[in-house]
Amino acid sequence: MIRQVIYIYMGNIISDLRQRRKLSKKTLAHDLNVDAGTIDKWENGANIRMENVIAIAEYFGVSTDDILGTRQH
């Protein structure tokens, strides 16, 4: 249950980053070398492997802590 909440939270962050850059799911998927459906799944709370979290963080120029929601302010 807690794990699913974390994935949903991460999906919201990914969606927000994508929308701030005015990127379509298709464009982001192409740039990350995944299917557009994968982006949709991630944004809707599907499991994201750590290697993809790292790729997303690098792509958007943020830390993995930002994606995971673990950054201490």
Protein backbone atom coordinates (compact mmCIF):
# COMPACT_ATOMS: atom_id res chain seq x y z
CA MET A 1 0.00 0.00 0.00
CA ILE A 2 2.70 2.48 0.98
CA ARG A 3 4.74 1.50 -2.07
CA GLN A 4 1.78 2.31 -4.35
CA VAL A 5 1.39 5.73 -2.73
CA ILE A 6 5.07 6.41 -3.43
CA TYR A 7 4.67 5.42 -7.09
CA ILE A 8 1.63 7.67 -7.44
CA TYR A 9 3.58 10.55 -5.86
CA MET A 10 6.51 9.94 -8.24
CA GLY A 11 4.10 9.84 -11.17
CA ASN A 12 2.70 13.21 -10.19
CA ILE A 13 6.20 14.67 -10.06
CA ILE A 14 7.07 13.26 -13.48
CA SER A 15 3.84 14.58 -14.94
CA ASP A 16 4.47 18.01 -13.45
CA LEU A 17 8.03 18.15 -14.79
CA ARG A 18 6.86 17.06 -18.24
CA GLN A 19 4.03 19.57 -18.36
CA ARG A 20 6.22 22.44 -17.14
CA ARG A 21 8.46 21.81 -20.14
CA LYS A 22 5.41 21.50 -22.39
CA LEU A 23 6.48 18.04 -23.51
CA SER A 24 4.08 15.45 -24.83
CA LYS A 25 4.23 11.94 -23.43
CA LYS A 26 5.32 10.80 -26.86
CA THR A 27 8.25 13.23 -26.94
CA LEU A 28 9.39 12.32 -23.45
CA ALA A 29 9.07 8.62 -24.28
CA HIS A 30 11.18 9.08 -27.41
CA ASP A 31 13.85 11.01 -25.51
CA LEU A 32 13.99 8.35 -22.75
CA ASN A 33 13.83 5.48 -25.27
CA VAL A 34 10.63 3.96 -23.84
CA ASP A 35 7.09 3.54 -25.17
CA ALA A 36 4.62 6.40 -24.77
CA GLY A 37 2.41 3.98 -22.87
CA THR A 38 5.20 3.56 -20.33
CA ILE A 39 5.17 7.29 -19.57
CA ASP A 40 1.41 7.11 -19.11
CA LYS A 41 1.79 4.15 -16.73
CA TRP A 42 4.49 5.90 -14.70
CA GLU A 43 2.41 9.05 -14.41
CA ASN A 44 -0.50 6.95 -13.19
CA GLY A 45 1.42 5.20 -10.44
CA ALA A 46 3.04 2.16 -12.05
CA ASN A 47 6.29 0.74 -10.73
CA ILE A 48 9.35 2.64 -11.97
CA ARG A 49 12.71 0.89 -11.96
CA MET A 50 15.56 2.83 -10.36
CA GLU A 51 17.47 3.03 -13.64
CA ASN A 52 14.49 4.88 -15.11
CA VAL A 53 14.24 7.19 -12.09
CA ILE A 54 17.88 8.08 -12.68
CA ALA A 55 17.28 8.67 -16.41
CA ILE A 56 14.26 10.88 -15.68
CA ALA A 57 16.20 12.91 -13.10
CA GLU A 58 19.11 13.42 -15.49
CA TYR A 59 16.77 14.35 -18.33
CA PHE A 60 15.02 17.05 -16.28
CA GLY A 61 18.15 18.21 -14.46
CA VAL A 62 16.85 17.32 -11.01
CA SER A 63 18.06 14.90 -8.38
CA THR A 64 16.66 11.44 -7.83
CA ASP A 65 15.65 12.75 -4.40
CA ASP A 66 13.38 15.24 -6.19
CA ILE A 67 11.73 12.42 -8.17
CA LEU A 68 11.45 10.17 -5.12
CA GLY A 69 10.22 13.00 -2.91
CA THR A 70 12.96 12.45 -0.35
CA ARG A 71 14.82 15.74 -0.56
CA GLN A 72 15.20 17.41 2.83
CA HIS A 73 14.49 21.15 2.71
